[in-house]
Protein backbone atom coordinates (compact mmCIF):
# COMPACT_ATOMS: atom_id res chain seq x y z
CA MET A 1 71.55 60.61 0.72
CA ASN A 2 68.95 59.83 3.23
CA VAL A 3 66.29 57.34 2.36
CA ALA A 4 62.89 58.10 3.72
CA THR A 5 61.31 55.42 5.78
CA ARG A 6 57.57 55.08 5.43
CA ARG A 7 55.10 52.76 7.14
CA VAL A 8 52.26 51.27 5.08
CA ALA A 9 49.06 49.99 6.73
CA VAL A 10 47.77 46.61 5.51
CA GLY A 11 44.06 47.41 5.72
CA ALA A 12 43.84 47.14 1.93
CA LEU A 13 45.12 43.53 1.90
CA THR A 14 42.99 41.30 -0.36
CA VAL A 15 42.89 37.54 0.32
CA LEU A 16 41.57 35.18 -2.40
CA LEU A 17 40.62 31.53 -2.04
CA LEU A 18 41.36 29.83 -5.35
CA ALA A 19 40.19 26.29 -4.61
CA ALA A 20 36.48 25.46 -4.76
CA CYS A 21 34.80 23.44 -2.06
CA VAL A 22 31.65 21.49 -2.75
CA THR A 23 28.20 20.58 -1.60
CA SER A 24 24.54 20.77 -1.00
CA LEU A 25 21.69 18.28 -1.03
CA LYS A 26 18.62 19.09 -3.07
CA SER A 27 15.43 17.14 -2.44
CA ALA A 28 13.00 16.09 -5.16
CA THR A 29 9.27 16.06 -4.75
CA GLN A 30 7.89 12.72 -5.91
CA PRO A 31 4.61 12.51 -7.83
CA ALA A 32 1.78 10.96 -5.85
CA THR A 33 0.95 7.45 -7.05
CA ALA A 34 -1.81 6.64 -4.59
CA ALA A 35 -5.44 7.19 -5.43
CA PRO A 36 -7.27 9.94 -3.55
CA SER A 37 -9.46 9.25 -0.57
CA GLY A 38 -13.01 8.08 -1.15
CA THR A 39 -14.17 5.65 -3.83
CA GLY A 40 -12.38 4.78 -7.02
CA HIS A 41 -9.16 3.59 -5.42
CA THR A 42 -9.92 0.09 -6.72
CA VAL A 43 -11.80 -0.31 -10.00
CA VAL A 44 -12.76 -3.85 -10.99
CA ALA A 45 -13.53 -4.77 -14.58
CA ILE A 46 -13.91 -7.88 -16.70
CA GLN A 47 -11.87 -8.65 -19.80
CA GLY A 48 -13.09 -11.84 -21.39
CA THR A 49 -12.68 -14.53 -18.75
CA ARG A 50 -10.27 -12.54 -16.58
CA PHE A 51 -10.42 -9.69 -14.11
CA LEU A 52 -8.76 -6.31 -14.25
CA VAL A 53 -8.15 -4.04 -11.29
CA ASN A 54 -7.38 -0.44 -12.18
CA GLY A 55 -6.99 -1.41 -15.82
CA GLU A 56 -4.40 -4.13 -15.20
CA LEU A 57 -4.68 -7.88 -14.96
CA THR A 58 -4.49 -8.96 -11.34
CA SER A 59 -1.26 -10.66 -10.22
CA PRO A 60 0.58 -10.13 -13.53
CA GLY A 61 3.04 -12.86 -14.39
CA LYS A 62 1.92 -15.06 -11.51
CA PRO A 63 -0.19 -18.25 -11.43
CA ALA A 64 -3.22 -16.21 -10.32
CA GLU A 65 -2.93 -13.69 -13.18
CA GLY A 66 -6.37 -12.35 -14.04
CA LEU A 67 -7.98 -14.09 -11.07
CA LEU A 68 -9.49 -12.90 -7.81
CA LEU A 69 -8.14 -15.06 -5.01
CA ASN A 70 -10.74 -14.70 -2.32
CA THR A 71 -12.04 -15.64 1.08
CA ARG A 72 -15.60 -15.90 2.36
CA MET A 73 -16.05 -13.29 5.09
CA ALA A 74 -19.85 -13.46 5.26
CA GLN A 75 -19.99 -12.24 8.86
CA ALA A 76 -17.96 -9.05 8.40
CA ILE A 77 -21.04 -6.89 9.11
CA PHE A 78 -23.01 -9.50 11.11
CA ASP A 79 -25.52 -8.71 13.84
CA ASP A 80 -28.31 -10.66 15.56
CA GLU A 81 -31.45 -8.82 16.62
CA ASN A 82 -32.91 -11.80 18.47
CA SER A 83 -32.47 -11.05 22.17
CA ASP A 84 -32.77 -14.76 22.94
CA THR A 85 -29.83 -15.77 20.75
CA VAL A 86 -27.50 -12.77 20.57
CA SER A 87 -25.64 -13.88 23.69
CA GLU A 88 -24.39 -16.90 21.75
CA TRP A 89 -21.96 -14.63 19.94
CA ALA A 90 -20.52 -12.89 23.01
CA TYR A 91 -16.82 -12.01 23.02
CA PRO A 92 -14.97 -13.95 25.73
CA ASP A 93 -13.42 -10.81 27.19
CA ALA A 94 -16.39 -8.42 27.04
CA ARG A 95 -19.00 -11.17 27.58
CA LYS A 96 -21.34 -9.56 25.10
CA TRP A 97 -21.73 -9.29 21.35
CA ASP A 98 -20.60 -6.08 19.63
CA PRO A 99 -21.32 -5.77 15.87
CA GLN A 100 -19.20 -2.64 15.47
CA ARG A 101 -16.21 -4.25 17.15
CA ASN A 102 -16.60 -7.17 14.76
CA THR A 103 -16.48 -4.90 11.71
CA ASN A 104 -13.67 -2.77 13.11
CA GLU A 105 -11.49 -5.79 13.77
CA PHE A 106 -12.21 -7.11 10.29
CA VAL A 107 -11.38 -3.84 8.55
CA ALA A 108 -8.11 -3.60 10.50
CA LEU A 109 -6.94 -6.84 8.84
CA LEU A 110 -7.73 -5.87 5.25
CA PRO A 111 -4.20 -4.52 4.58
CA THR A 112 -2.74 -7.83 5.75
CA TYR A 113 -5.10 -9.80 3.51
CA ALA A 114 -4.21 -7.63 0.53
CA GLN A 115 -0.50 -8.03 1.23
CA HIS A 116 -1.00 -11.80 0.99
CA GLY A 117 -2.60 -11.61 -2.46
CA ILE A 118 -6.30 -11.53 -1.54
CA ARG A 119 -8.25 -9.63 -4.19
CA LEU A 120 -11.87 -10.44 -3.27
CA ILE A 121 -13.96 -10.93 -0.14
CA THR A 122 -17.58 -12.05 0.06
CA VAL A 123 -19.68 -10.17 2.61
CA GLY A 124 -23.27 -11.13 3.43
CA LEU A 125 -26.27 -8.87 4.05
CA GLN A 126 -27.79 -11.84 5.87
CA GLY A 127 -24.52 -13.31 7.05
CA GLY A 128 -23.81 -16.99 6.84
CA CYS A 129 -24.47 -19.91 9.17
CA PRO A 130 -23.21 -18.60 12.54
CA SER A 131 -23.79 -21.65 14.72
CA THR A 132 -21.55 -24.59 15.47
CA ASN A 133 -23.78 -26.36 17.97
CA PRO A 134 -26.51 -26.88 17.04
CA PRO A 135 -25.61 -26.77 13.34
CA CYS A 136 -27.70 -24.58 11.07
CA PRO A 137 -31.10 -26.13 10.37
CA GLY A 138 -32.35 -26.55 6.82
CA GLY A 139 -35.38 -24.32 7.36
CA ASP A 140 -35.82 -20.97 9.04
CA HIS A 141 -33.08 -19.94 11.43
CA PRO A 142 -33.91 -18.70 14.96
CA TRP A 143 -31.49 -15.78 14.95
CA ILE A 144 -32.39 -12.55 13.16
CA VAL A 145 -29.58 -11.64 10.81
CA SER A 146 -30.59 -9.29 8.02
CA ALA A 147 -29.70 -5.90 6.57
CA PHE A 148 -33.27 -5.68 5.23
CA ASN A 149 -36.46 -4.77 7.03
CA ALA A 150 -39.54 -6.83 6.21
CA ASP A 151 -40.67 -4.27 3.61
CA GLY A 152 -37.34 -4.43 1.83
CA SER A 153 -35.99 -1.14 3.18
CA LEU A 154 -32.39 -1.04 4.37
CA LYS A 155 -31.22 -0.91 7.98
CA SER A 156 -28.93 2.06 8.47
CA ALA A 157 -26.58 0.37 10.96
CA TRP A 158 -25.95 -2.47 8.53
CA MET A 159 -25.40 -0.05 5.66
CA ASN A 160 -22.94 1.97 7.72
CA ARG A 161 -20.90 -1.15 8.41
CA LEU A 162 -21.12 -2.22 4.77
CA ASN A 163 -19.88 1.18 3.65
CA GLN A 164 -17.03 0.90 6.14
CA VAL A 165 -16.00 -2.45 4.68
CA ILE A 166 -16.34 -1.48 1.01
CA THR A 167 -14.46 1.78 1.52
CA ALA A 168 -11.63 0.12 3.45
CA ALA A 169 -11.41 -2.63 0.84
CA ASP A 170 -11.33 0.04 -1.87
CA HIS A 171 -8.23 1.51 -0.23
CA ASN A 172 -6.52 -1.87 -0.20
CA GLY A 173 -7.05 -3.12 -3.73
CA ILE A 174 -9.77 -5.55 -2.67
CA VAL A 175 -13.05 -6.21 -4.46
CA VAL A 176 -16.18 -6.88 -2.36
CA MET A 177 -18.80 -9.37 -3.49
CA VAL A 178 -21.99 -8.28 -1.74
CA GLN A 179 -24.22 -11.29 -1.09
CA PHE A 180 -27.86 -10.19 -0.83
CA PHE A 181 -29.72 -13.19 0.60
CA TYR A 182 -28.94 -16.27 2.69
CA HIS A 183 -31.18 -19.27 3.24
CA GLY A 184 -32.88 -19.39 6.63
CA GLN A 185 -33.04 -15.58 6.69
CA ASN A 186 -34.52 -14.57 3.33
CA GLN A 187 -38.05 -15.34 4.56
CA ARG A 188 -37.83 -12.37 6.93
CA VAL A 189 -37.98 -10.04 3.92
CA LEU A 190 -41.57 -10.00 2.71
CA ASP A 191 -40.95 -7.69 -0.24
CA GLN A 192 -37.81 -9.16 -1.76
CA PRO A 193 -38.05 -7.35 -5.13
CA ALA A 194 -38.10 -4.06 -3.20
CA ALA A 195 -35.09 -5.18 -1.17
CA VAL A 196 -33.15 -5.97 -4.34
CA GLY A 197 -34.06 -2.61 -5.82
CA ASN A 198 -33.10 -0.72 -2.66
CA ILE A 199 -29.71 -2.34 -2.20
CA THR A 200 -28.96 -1.95 -5.92
CA ASP A 201 -29.76 1.76 -5.72
CA TRP A 202 -27.65 2.10 -2.57
CA LEU A 203 -24.61 0.51 -4.22
CA VAL A 204 -24.95 2.61 -7.37
CA THR A 205 -25.54 5.85 -5.48
CA GLY A 206 -22.48 5.14 -3.34
CA GLY A 207 -20.32 5.25 -6.47
CA TYR A 208 -18.44 2.11 -5.45
CA THR A 209 -16.12 0.78 -8.13
CA ASN A 210 -14.93 -2.33 -6.29
CA VAL A 211 -18.24 -4.18 -5.89
CA LEU A 212 -19.65 -7.35 -7.44
CA VAL A 213 -23.05 -8.85 -6.59
CA GLU A 214 -24.15 -12.33 -5.55
CA THR A 215 -27.95 -12.18 -5.41
CA ALA A 216 -28.28 -15.29 -3.24
CA ASN A 217 -25.95 -17.77 -1.62
CA GLU A 218 -26.78 -21.22 -3.01
CA CYS A 219 -30.11 -20.33 -4.57
CA ASP A 220 -31.14 -24.01 -4.64
CA ALA A 221 -30.71 -24.39 -0.86
CA GLY A 222 -34.29 -23.43 0.09
CA PHE A 223 -35.34 -19.95 -0.98
CA SER A 224 -38.57 -18.22 -1.89
CA ASP A 225 -40.09 -18.51 -5.34
CA TYR A 226 -38.68 -15.09 -6.16
CA LEU A 227 -35.11 -16.12 -5.32
CA ASP A 228 -35.45 -19.68 -6.59
CA GLY A 229 -38.54 -20.61 -8.62
CA GLY A 230 -37.43 -24.19 -9.04
CA ASN A 231 -33.84 -24.98 -10.00
CA CYS A 232 -33.19 -21.27 -9.49
CA ALA A 233 -35.15 -20.45 -12.64
CA ASN A 234 -36.31 -17.05 -11.39
CA GLU A 235 -32.73 -16.02 -10.63
CA VAL A 236 -32.54 -15.04 -14.28
CA ASN A 237 -35.09 -12.31 -13.52
CA VAL A 238 -33.39 -11.27 -10.27
CA ILE A 239 -30.07 -10.90 -12.06
CA LYS A 240 -31.76 -8.94 -14.84
CA GLN A 241 -33.33 -6.64 -12.25
CA VAL A 242 -29.95 -5.72 -10.76
CA GLN A 243 -28.29 -5.36 -14.15
CA ALA A 244 -31.05 -3.14 -15.52
CA ARG A 245 -31.51 -1.04 -12.39
CA SER A 246 -27.76 -0.39 -12.11
CA GLY A 247 -27.47 0.43 -15.79
CA GLY A 248 -24.93 -2.34 -16.14
CA LYS A 249 -22.63 -0.81 -13.54
CA LEU A 250 -22.93 -3.80 -11.22
CA LYS A 251 -21.68 -7.20 -12.38
CA VAL A 252 -24.08 -9.82 -11.08
CA SER A 253 -24.06 -13.53 -10.30
CA VAL A 254 -25.68 -16.18 -8.11
CA SER A 255 -24.25 -19.32 -6.51
CA TRP A 256 -25.49 -22.90 -6.28
CA LYS A 257 -24.80 -25.59 -3.71
CA GLY A 258 -21.39 -27.22 -3.51
CA GLY A 259 -20.48 -29.36 -6.52
CA GLU A 260 -23.48 -28.25 -8.59
CA GLN A 261 -23.37 -26.61 -11.99
CA PRO A 262 -25.57 -23.58 -12.72
CA SER A 263 -28.23 -23.89 -15.38
CA ASP A 264 -27.55 -22.63 -18.88
CA GLU A 265 -30.30 -20.04 -18.45
CA VAL A 266 -28.53 -18.53 -15.44
CA ILE A 267 -25.07 -18.77 -17.01
CA ALA A 268 -26.35 -16.96 -20.08
CA GLN A 269 -27.69 -14.05 -18.02
CA GLU A 270 -25.09 -13.55 -15.29
CA ASP A 271 -21.85 -11.60 -15.71
CA ILE A 272 -19.77 -14.02 -13.63
CA VAL A 273 -20.27 -17.74 -13.07
CA LEU A 274 -20.13 -18.71 -9.39
CA LEU A 275 -19.25 -22.24 -8.32
CA HIS A 276 -19.01 -23.76 -4.84
CA GLY A 277 -16.53 -26.50 -4.11
CA ASN A 278 -17.92 -27.65 -0.75
CA GLY A 279 -17.74 -31.40 -0.28
CA ILE A 280 -15.67 -32.21 -3.36
CA ASN A 281 -11.95 -32.69 -3.90
CA GLY A 282 -9.61 -30.98 -6.33
CA THR A 283 -10.13 -33.51 -9.12
CA GLN A 284 -13.89 -33.21 -8.80
CA LEU A 285 -13.64 -29.43 -8.73
CA GLN A 286 -11.65 -29.40 -11.95
CA ALA A 287 -14.27 -31.69 -13.51
CA LEU A 288 -17.03 -29.25 -12.42
CA ILE A 289 -15.10 -26.36 -13.93
CA ALA A 290 -14.55 -28.26 -17.17
CA SER A 291 -18.22 -29.22 -17.40
CA THR A 292 -19.25 -25.61 -16.84
CA LYS A 293 -16.90 -24.40 -19.56
CA ASN A 294 -18.29 -27.02 -21.93
CA SER A 295 -21.91 -25.92 -21.40
CA ALA A 296 -23.63 -24.39 -24.40
CA ALA A 297 -24.31 -21.13 -22.57
CA TYR A 298 -20.71 -20.70 -21.48
CA LYS A 299 -19.32 -21.52 -24.92
CA ALA A 300 -21.63 -18.94 -26.41
CA ASP A 301 -20.46 -16.25 -23.98
CA PRO A 302 -17.31 -17.10 -21.98
CA LYS A 303 -16.93 -15.12 -18.76
CA PRO A 304 -14.96 -15.33 -15.51
CA ILE A 305 -15.64 -18.30 -13.26
CA VAL A 306 -15.21 -17.72 -9.53
CA VAL A 307 -15.29 -20.28 -6.76
CA ASN A 308 -16.27 -18.04 -3.85
CA GLU A 309 -16.93 -20.81 -1.33
CA ASP A 310 -15.03 -24.04 -0.95
CA SER A 311 -13.09 -25.22 2.10
CA THR A 312 -9.69 -24.88 3.75
CA SER A 313 -8.12 -27.23 1.19
CA THR A 314 -5.11 -25.74 -0.56
CA ASP A 315 -5.26 -28.74 -2.93
CA ASN A 316 -8.64 -27.49 -4.13
CA MET A 317 -7.22 -23.99 -4.32
CA ASN A 318 -4.32 -25.11 -6.51
CA ALA A 319 -6.62 -27.20 -8.70
CA SER A 320 -8.92 -24.25 -9.28
CA VAL A 321 -6.12 -21.81 -10.12
CA ALA A 322 -4.54 -24.38 -12.44
CA ALA A 323 -7.85 -24.44 -14.30
CA GLY A 324 -7.81 -20.65 -14.62
CA VAL A 325 -10.53 -20.10 -12.03
CA SER A 326 -10.57 -17.81 -8.98
CA TRP A 327 -10.88 -19.67 -5.69
CA GLY A 328 -12.43 -18.86 -2.32
CA TYR A 329 -11.46 -19.99 1.16
CA LEU A 330 -14.23 -21.09 3.56
CA ASP A 331 -13.18 -21.66 7.17
CA THR A 332 -16.28 -21.94 9.35
CA GLY A 333 -14.61 -22.20 12.76
CA THR A 334 -16.29 -23.00 16.07
CA ASN A 335 -17.53 -19.82 17.86
CA ASN A 336 -14.40 -19.74 20.03
CA TYR A 337 -12.87 -16.42 18.89
CA GLN A 338 -9.94 -18.33 17.49
CA ASP A 339 -10.77 -20.75 14.68
CA GLY A 340 -12.29 -19.89 11.35
CA PHE A 341 -13.90 -16.87 9.74
CA GLN A 342 -17.64 -17.63 9.99
CA ARG A 343 -18.73 -18.56 13.51
CA PRO A 344 -18.96 -15.37 15.61
CA PRO A 345 -17.26 -13.99 17.50
CA VAL A 346 -14.72 -14.18 14.68
CA ASN A 347 -11.02 -13.73 15.15
CA TRP A 348 -10.05 -12.13 11.85
CA THR A 349 -6.30 -12.53 12.34
CA ILE A 350 -4.16 -15.14 10.57
CA ASN A 351 -3.76 -17.12 13.76
CA THR A 352 -4.28 -20.81 12.98
CA ASP A 353 -2.42 -23.37 10.89
CA ALA A 354 -5.30 -23.56 8.40
CA LYS A 355 -5.40 -19.79 7.92
CA LYS A 356 -1.63 -19.54 7.61
CA ALA A 357 -1.56 -22.30 4.99
CA PHE A 358 -4.20 -20.52 2.92
CA PHE A 359 -2.68 -17.06 3.09
CA ASP A 360 0.81 -18.40 2.39
CA ASN A 361 -0.51 -20.22 -0.65
CA ALA A 362 -2.36 -17.11 -1.81
CA LEU A 363 0.91 -15.20 -1.56
CA ARG A 364 2.67 -17.88 -3.60
CA LEU A 365 0.01 -17.82 -6.31
CA ALA A 366 -0.54 -14.05 -6.45
CA GLY A 367 3.03 -12.92 -5.89
CA PRO A 368 4.43 -10.38 -3.44
CA ALA A 369 2.76 -7.07 -2.73
CA ARG A 370 4.25 -4.18 -4.65
CA THR A 371 5.85 -1.44 -2.60
CA LYS A 372 6.80 2.18 -3.12
CA ILE A 373 9.17 4.70 -1.58
CA ALA A 374 8.46 8.40 -1.04
CA TYR A 375 11.54 10.53 -0.35
CA SER A 376 11.53 13.22 2.31
CA GLY A 377 14.44 15.34 3.39
CA PRO A 378 16.07 18.76 3.27
CA SER A 379 16.22 20.84 0.13
CA GLY A 380 19.98 21.38 0.51
CA ALA A 381 23.08 20.65 2.52
CA ASP A 382 26.63 21.87 2.23
CA PHE A 383 29.60 19.75 1.27
CA ASN A 384 30.93 17.79 4.22
CA ASP A 385 27.93 18.80 6.36
CA ALA A 386 25.79 15.88 7.54
CA ALA A 387 22.23 16.04 6.17
CA THR A 388 19.20 14.18 7.53
CA VAL A 389 17.58 12.30 4.65
CA GLY A 390 14.42 10.26 5.02
CA ALA A 391 11.78 8.23 3.22
CA THR A 392 8.49 6.44 3.81
CA LEU A 393 7.94 2.85 2.68
CA THR A 394 4.40 1.68 1.95
CA ASP A 395 2.59 -0.90 -0.11
CA VAL A 396 0.84 0.38 -3.23
CA TRP A 397 -2.29 1.03 -1.15
CA ASP A 398 -0.37 3.42 1.14
CA ASN A 399 -0.24 1.10 4.14
CA ALA A 400 2.91 1.76 6.15
CA LEU A 401 5.46 -1.05 6.25
CA PRO A 402 7.23 -1.02 9.62
CA ALA A 403 10.52 -2.66 10.59
CA MET A 404 11.69 -2.85 6.98
CA PRO A 405 15.30 -2.04 5.92
CA LEU A 406 15.96 0.97 3.72
CA THR A 407 19.37 1.88 2.33
CA PHE A 408 20.24 5.48 1.43
CA THR A 409 23.19 6.15 -0.89
CA LEU A 410 24.65 9.56 -1.66
CA GLY A 411 27.88 9.25 -3.59
CA SER A 412 30.28 7.38 -1.33
CA SER A 413 28.11 7.92 1.73
CA VAL A 414 25.75 5.08 2.68
CA CYS A 415 23.47 4.46 5.62
CA ALA A 416 20.99 1.66 6.37
CA VAL A 417 18.09 1.97 8.77
CA ARG A 418 14.75 0.26 9.50
CA THR A 419 11.39 1.94 9.17
CA ASN A 420 9.34 2.83 12.24
CA LYS A 421 5.69 1.94 12.81
CA SER A 422 4.68 4.68 10.37
CA GLY A 423 6.91 3.24 7.65
CA GLN A 424 9.33 6.16 8.00
CA ALA A 425 13.10 6.00 8.19
CA SER A 426 15.82 8.65 8.33
CA CYS A 427 19.56 8.84 8.76
CA LEU A 428 22.52 11.17 8.37
CA LEU A 429 24.50 11.30 5.13
CA THR A 430 27.53 13.49 4.53
CA PRO A 431 27.91 14.73 0.94
CA ARG A 432 31.49 14.26 -0.24
CA GLY A 433 31.17 14.35 -4.01
CA ALA A 434 32.10 17.12 -6.40
CA ALA A 435 29.85 20.13 -6.76
CA GLY A 436 27.06 19.84 -9.30
CA SER A 437 24.07 17.66 -10.13
CA SER A 438 23.92 14.11 -8.83
CA SER A 439 21.34 11.75 -7.31
CA LEU A 440 20.36 10.25 -3.99
CA SER A 441 19.06 6.69 -4.09
CA ILE A 442 16.85 4.84 -1.63
CA ALA A 443 16.49 1.07 -1.90
CA PHE A 444 14.28 -1.60 -0.34
CA GLU A 445 15.44 -5.12 -1.13
CA GLY A 446 12.09 -6.75 -0.38
CA ALA A 447 11.02 -8.91 2.54
CA GLY A 448 9.58 -12.36 3.01
CA ILE A 449 7.45 -14.44 5.34
CA ASP A 450 7.51 -18.21 5.80
CA ALA A 451 10.20 -18.50 3.10
CA LEU A 452 7.98 -16.58 0.65
CA GLU A 453 8.54 -13.13 -0.78
CA GLN A 454 5.78 -11.02 0.73
CA PHE A 455 6.89 -7.53 -0.27
CA ALA A 456 8.52 -6.77 -3.60
CA ALA A 457 11.71 -4.75 -3.80
CA ALA A 458 11.51 -1.06 -4.62
CA SER A 459 13.91 1.77 -5.28
CA GLU A 460 13.72 5.50 -5.76
CA SER A 461 16.29 7.95 -7.09
CA VAL A 462 15.92 11.67 -6.52
CA PRO A 463 18.03 14.45 -8.05
CA PHE A 464 20.00 16.74 -5.81
CA THR A 465 22.69 19.39 -6.19
CA VAL A 466 25.90 19.47 -4.21
CA LEU A 467 26.65 23.02 -3.11
CA LYS A 468 29.94 24.54 -2.11
CA GLU A 469 30.65 24.53 1.60
CA GLN A 470 30.55 27.77 3.56
CA THR A 471 34.11 28.86 4.39
CA THR A 472 35.80 31.63 6.36
CA LEU A 473 39.22 33.12 5.64
CA THR A 474 40.84 35.08 8.46
CA TYR A 475 43.91 37.26 7.90
CA GLU A 476 46.60 36.76 10.53
CA GLY A 477 49.80 38.40 9.07
CA ASP A 478 51.51 41.80 9.40
CA THR A 479 49.15 44.73 9.73
CA THR A 480 51.87 47.35 9.21
CA VAL A 481 54.79 47.12 6.78
CA ILE A 482 57.71 49.35 5.75
CA ASN A 483 58.18 50.04 2.08
CA GLY A 484 61.25 48.29 0.82
CA SER A 485 61.21 45.70 3.62
CA ARG A 486 59.75 42.15 3.83
CA ALA A 487 56.00 41.84 4.37
CA ASN A 488 54.89 38.62 6.11
CA LEU A 489 51.35 37.71 5.04
CA SER A 490 49.26 34.80 6.42
CA ALA A 491 45.63 33.63 6.78
CA SER A 492 43.59 30.74 8.19
CA LEU A 493 40.94 28.87 6.15
CA ALA A 494 38.12 27.10 8.02
CA GLU A 495 34.88 25.27 7.24
CA ASP A 496 31.92 27.09 8.79
CA GLY A 497 34.50 29.09 10.75
CA ILE A 498 35.45 26.07 12.84
CA THR A 499 37.08 23.12 11.07
CA PRO A 500 40.48 23.83 9.42
CA ILE A 501 40.70 23.18 5.67
CA ALA A 502 44.03 21.85 4.45
CA GLN A 503 45.63 21.64 1.03
CA ARG A 504 43.93 24.64 -0.50
CA ALA A 505 45.80 27.31 -2.54
CA ILE A 506 45.43 30.78 -1.07
CA THR A 507 46.54 34.07 -2.68
CA LEU A 508 47.36 37.01 -0.42
CA THR A 509 47.49 40.45 -2.05
CA LEU A 510 48.83 43.72 -0.73
CA GLY A 511 47.40 46.82 -2.34
CA SER A 512 45.32 47.02 -5.47
CA GLY A 513 45.37 47.96 -9.13
CA ASN A 514 48.65 48.28 -11.00
CA THR A 515 50.73 48.39 -7.82
CA ALA A 516 49.18 45.30 -6.20
CA GLN A 517 51.71 42.75 -4.85
CA SER A 518 50.70 39.07 -4.33
CA CYS A 519 52.08 35.78 -3.10
CA GLN A 520 50.57 32.26 -2.86
CA ALA A 521 50.65 29.51 -0.24
CA THR A 522 48.92 26.19 0.49
CA SER A 523 47.01 25.74 3.73
CA ASN A 524 48.46 23.27 6.21
CA ALA A 525 46.68 20.84 8.52
CA GLN A 526 45.65 23.75 10.74
CA GLY A 527 44.21 25.58 7.73
CA GLN A 528 47.01 28.15 7.84
CA ALA A 529 48.83 29.52 4.81
CA ALA A 530 51.75 31.99 4.89
CA CYS A 531 53.97 33.70 2.33
CA SER A 532 56.14 36.83 2.14
CA LEU A 533 56.68 39.79 -0.14
CA ILE A 534 60.43 40.51 -0.35
CA ALA A 535 60.00 44.27 -0.54
CA ALA A 536 56.75 46.10 0.08
CA GLY A 537 56.07 48.96 -2.28
CA GLN A 538 52.77 50.69 -1.65
CA ALA A 539 51.40 54.17 -1.13
CA VAL A 540 51.99 55.49 2.34
CA GLY A 541 49.04 55.36 4.70
CA SER A 542 46.21 53.04 5.49
CA GLY A 543 44.14 51.43 2.81
């Protein structure tokens, strides 16, 4: 009997990959924690004898908790309209005075001040004493330094610079104490009640939430009857004017000369008690603070006490903070564009030993600046495919933190990289974990300066999903077989069609339905798997 020989085409061969491969990175959008642009980024409030910023005590858990560590920056918006004296403030490089450059350079340093724990700056509408030689006289000053016209109206250039400072401070968690009048300049304003009303209206209309008011710097240092009235008696009325006109929105105070205690009448009316520590040591300053707290007016209505002008003495600073009182740095300098913060042209950087000592101590008392991490990266990545993940590191006021180390961890994959000048960092991570939900973590371990912790540690964890890798399976075995004879079946498994995948179970099937014939094999190092059917038995023809 003859046995018919038939050829069977293998076009109907079905190849099945049984083993699952993993991966894919899924990014997570982080909620914005920064305040929007404009005002309201920094909201100052008073709670008993302590200060809140954005509803929280300042410097929580630190020696300066509830305090406003501060520095006197009276010349931040300074200008001199006297053509005979303005050359005294010339920059050494430009050989002329430039009020806008002065303000720009000051504003550029506000993030650095904030990162050192500064929570308050005092800015003057009539500056402060600008001269080293000769020293400021006790009477009228020759230079013309005033944000007010004689009729009490406001000078637009000064207001523009003030807005620039307040707005920048608002974006850096800093409160601005606006000082209205300074001795030696107040006499240039003939209608001082109008001036007070105008600047009060301007501050309220601006919607600023980070402003406090000092109506006059050292009201007993030689002011008009309106700003003094003998032992600053009329300051009660000036303070009332600002409080009433602002509807209580502005918290108001006035300062006295160094080492002097305000009168009970003034303490009773003002929202904040201002003290100056000029010319006294830490022990004497603590005695002044204690005496103020023991006054009848203060006992009847306790409120925050702020030293907003003292010296460069960190001993005084520590004494004040130990007594629960905010303290202010005063560094007059010498008109040399290097030393101090008061004699123009001012170098606003932290460039001298005295400045460094103050800012380091402020950092110690206030604690490190808080930081935050915002993740950025792809929405997915396949298993075993490198993915570029990234993040931005900033302080809580959204200032970029450059040259800081970030560590990214995705399962067993880790990479460490430093941020660029924009606070951004990115690196490649290769997902190697099992398919499914997991998390990507980004960590900043914190950073210090001068043996102090300047930036607090931060971490962020974002969910992601590992997706299966894209694979290709290519048949490479017999394409024609004879029924009743051996059929040699084989295929190659590759990742993205390129990289061989080993140790995966592969099923190769000839035919379909009830007559289907299958065999299994495991891929080798080249991704190849082969097996044989002892006797093919399929319908004749292609399929």
